[in-house]
């Protein structure tokens, strides 16, 4: 099973779970599974068309899935998938 790391700001939607073990073949299947298991998380990860929101970054290991095969990026039992929402801010 792949390990999915949930960032602190999104843990309130996963019952404070920091890591999930998900059986899946692709990153897209992982996203589908966690949004089914945790419906409140869906609106934070996916837009109304069901596509990954542009400000949500997902990494397989150290690689951004946008540089790989996006949601079709394969995963296996040793994969570590990190969800990293962009944080707004900076100096005004």
C-alpha atoms as a PDB file:
ATOM      1  CA  UNK A   1       0.000   0.000   0.000  1.00  0.00           C
ATOM      2  CA  UNK A   2       1.188   3.497  -0.806  1.00  0.00           C
ATOM      3  CA  UNK A   3       1.675   5.931   2.052  1.00  0.00           C
ATOM      4  CA  UNK A   4      -0.141   9.241   1.683  1.00  0.00           C
ATOM      5  CA  UNK A   5       1.054  12.141   3.822  1.00  0.00           C
ATOM      6  CA  UNK A   6      -1.729  14.559   4.752  1.00  0.00           C
ATOM      7  CA  UNK A   7      -0.552  18.117   5.536  1.00  0.00           C
ATOM      8  CA  UNK A   8      -1.527  19.702   8.833  1.00  0.00           C
ATOM      9  CA  UNK A   9      -4.082  22.160   7.352  1.00  0.00           C
ATOM     10  CA  UNK A  10      -6.051  19.268   5.803  1.00  0.00           C
ATOM     11  CA  UNK A  11      -5.939  16.870   8.755  1.00  0.00           C
ATOM     12  CA  UNK A  12      -9.148  18.321  10.193  1.00  0.00           C
ATOM     13  CA  UNK A  13     -10.863  16.611   7.242  1.00  0.00           C
ATOM     14  CA  UNK A  14      -9.155  13.236   7.871  1.00  0.00           C
ATOM     15  CA  UNK A  15      -9.927  12.899  11.590  1.00  0.00           C
ATOM     16  CA  UNK A  16      -6.445  14.261  12.381  1.00  0.00           C
ATOM     17  CA  UNK A  17      -4.804  11.418  10.463  1.00  0.00           C
ATOM     18  CA  UNK A  18      -1.336  12.402   9.250  1.00  0.00           C
ATOM     19  CA  UNK A  19      -0.610   9.287   7.166  1.00  0.00           C
ATOM     20  CA  UNK A  20      -2.914   6.995   5.259  1.00  0.00           C
ATOM     21  CA  UNK A  21      -2.153   3.609   3.741  1.00  0.00           C
ATOM     22  CA  UNK A  22      -3.958   3.340   0.410  1.00  0.00           C
ATOM     23  CA  UNK A  23      -4.107   0.412  -1.990  1.00  0.00           C
ATOM     24  CA  UNK A  24      -4.003   1.947  -5.486  1.00  0.00           C
ATOM     25  CA  UNK A  25      -2.231   1.739  -8.811  1.00  0.00           C
ATOM     26  CA  UNK A  26      -2.078   5.452  -9.633  1.00  0.00           C
ATOM     27  CA  UNK A  27      -2.113   8.825  -7.913  1.00  0.00           C
ATOM     28  CA  UNK A  28      -5.568   9.419  -9.413  1.00  0.00           C
ATOM     29  CA  UNK A  29      -6.870   6.279  -7.709  1.00  0.00           C
ATOM     30  CA  UNK A  30      -5.417   7.506  -4.416  1.00  0.00           C
ATOM     31  CA  UNK A  31      -7.184  10.859  -4.797  1.00  0.00           C
ATOM     32  CA  UNK A  32     -10.441   9.096  -5.653  1.00  0.00           C
ATOM     33  CA  UNK A  33     -10.142   6.818  -2.637  1.00  0.00           C
ATOM     34  CA  UNK A  34      -9.319   9.489  -0.064  1.00  0.00           C
ATOM     35  CA  UNK A  35     -12.070  11.807  -1.319  1.00  0.00           C
ATOM     36  CA  UNK A  36     -14.554   8.933  -0.987  1.00  0.00           C
ATOM     37  CA  UNK A  37     -13.298   8.046   2.482  1.00  0.00           C
ATOM     38  CA  UNK A  38     -13.143  11.708   3.557  1.00  0.00           C
ATOM     39  CA  UNK A  39     -15.802  13.636   1.551  1.00  0.00           C
ATOM     40  CA  UNK A  40     -14.994  16.988   3.188  1.00  0.00           C
ATOM     41  CA  UNK A  41     -11.498  16.754   1.723  1.00  0.00           C
ATOM     42  CA  UNK A  42     -12.833  16.624  -1.838  1.00  0.00           C
ATOM     43  CA  UNK A  43     -13.615  20.340  -2.181  1.00  0.00           C
ATOM     44  CA  UNK A  44     -10.104  21.194  -1.018  1.00  0.00           C
ATOM     45  CA  UNK A  45      -8.402  18.930  -3.560  1.00  0.00           C
ATOM     46  CA  UNK A  46     -10.714  18.895  -6.590  1.00  0.00           C
ATOM     47  CA  UNK A  47     -12.563  21.563  -8.539  1.00  0.00           C
ATOM     48  CA  UNK A  48     -16.190  21.256  -9.679  1.00  0.00           C
ATOM     49  CA  UNK A  49     -15.098  19.321 -12.771  1.00  0.00           C
ATOM     50  CA  UNK A  50     -13.283  16.776 -10.608  1.00  0.00           C
ATOM     51  CA  UNK A  51      -9.814  17.955 -11.626  1.00  0.00           C
ATOM     52  CA  UNK A  52      -7.004  18.541  -9.182  1.00  0.00           C
ATOM     53  CA  UNK A  53      -7.036  22.170  -8.075  1.00  0.00           C
ATOM     54  CA  UNK A  54      -4.156  24.217  -9.485  1.00  0.00           C
ATOM     55  CA  UNK A  55      -2.924  25.258  -6.027  1.00  0.00           C
ATOM     56  CA  UNK A  56      -2.674  21.671  -4.769  1.00  0.00           C
ATOM     57  CA  UNK A  57       0.701  20.080  -5.392  1.00  0.00           C
ATOM     58  CA  UNK A  58       1.110  16.344  -5.154  1.00  0.00           C
ATOM     59  CA  UNK A  59       4.486  14.689  -4.965  1.00  0.00           C
ATOM     60  CA  UNK A  60       5.462  11.101  -5.541  1.00  0.00           C
ATOM     61  CA  UNK A  61       8.642  10.883  -3.519  1.00  0.00           C
ATOM     62  CA  UNK A  62      10.486  14.103  -4.391  1.00  0.00           C
ATOM     63  CA  UNK A  63       8.854  14.512  -7.808  1.00  0.00           C
ATOM     64  CA  UNK A  64       5.876  16.740  -8.580  1.00  0.00           C
ATOM     65  CA  UNK A  65       3.329  14.578 -10.406  1.00  0.00           C
ATOM     66  CA  UNK A  66       2.943  17.417 -12.955  1.00  0.00           C
ATOM     67  CA  UNK A  67       6.480  16.532 -14.085  1.00  0.00           C
ATOM     68  CA  UNK A  68       5.588  12.839 -14.267  1.00  0.00           C
ATOM     69  CA  UNK A  69       2.283  11.450 -15.564  1.00  0.00           C
ATOM     70  CA  UNK A  70       0.013  13.696 -13.467  1.00  0.00           C
ATOM     71  CA  UNK A  71      -2.890  11.690 -11.993  1.00  0.00           C
ATOM     72  CA  UNK A  72      -1.799   8.680 -14.055  1.00  0.00           C
ATOM     73  CA  UNK A  73       1.514   8.522 -12.192  1.00  0.00           C
ATOM     74  CA  UNK A  74       1.903   4.905 -11.050  1.00  0.00           C
ATOM     75  CA  UNK A  75       2.278   4.055  -7.369  1.00  0.00           C
ATOM     76  CA  UNK A  76       3.299   0.892  -5.566  1.00  0.00           C
ATOM     77  CA  UNK A  77       3.621  -0.319  -1.985  1.00  0.00           C
ATOM     78  CA  UNK A  78       6.814   1.675  -1.410  1.00  0.00           C
ATOM     79  CA  UNK A  79       5.455   4.949  -2.851  1.00  0.00           C
ATOM     80  CA  UNK A  80       5.186   7.975  -0.581  1.00  0.00           C
ATOM     81  CA  UNK A  81       2.651  10.496  -1.846  1.00  0.00           C
ATOM     82  CA  UNK A  82       2.640  13.963  -0.315  1.00  0.00           C
ATOM     83  CA  UNK A  83      -0.201  16.452  -0.680  1.00  0.00           C
ATOM     84  CA  UNK A  84       1.101  20.012  -0.464  1.00  0.00           C
ATOM     85  CA  UNK A  85      -1.453  22.836  -0.740  1.00  0.00           C
ATOM     86  CA  UNK A  86       0.064  26.144  -1.765  1.00  0.00           C
ATOM     87  CA  UNK A  87       0.177  28.665   1.049  1.00  0.00           C
ATOM     88  CA  UNK A  88      -0.697  32.248   0.195  1.00  0.00           C
ATOM     89  CA  UNK A  89       1.230  35.048   1.754  1.00  0.00           C
ATOM     90  CA  UNK A  90       4.325  37.101   1.413  1.00  0.00           C
ATOM     91  CA  UNK A  91       5.348  40.671   1.914  1.00  0.00           C
ATOM     92  CA  UNK A  92       2.878  43.390   0.931  1.00  0.00           C
END
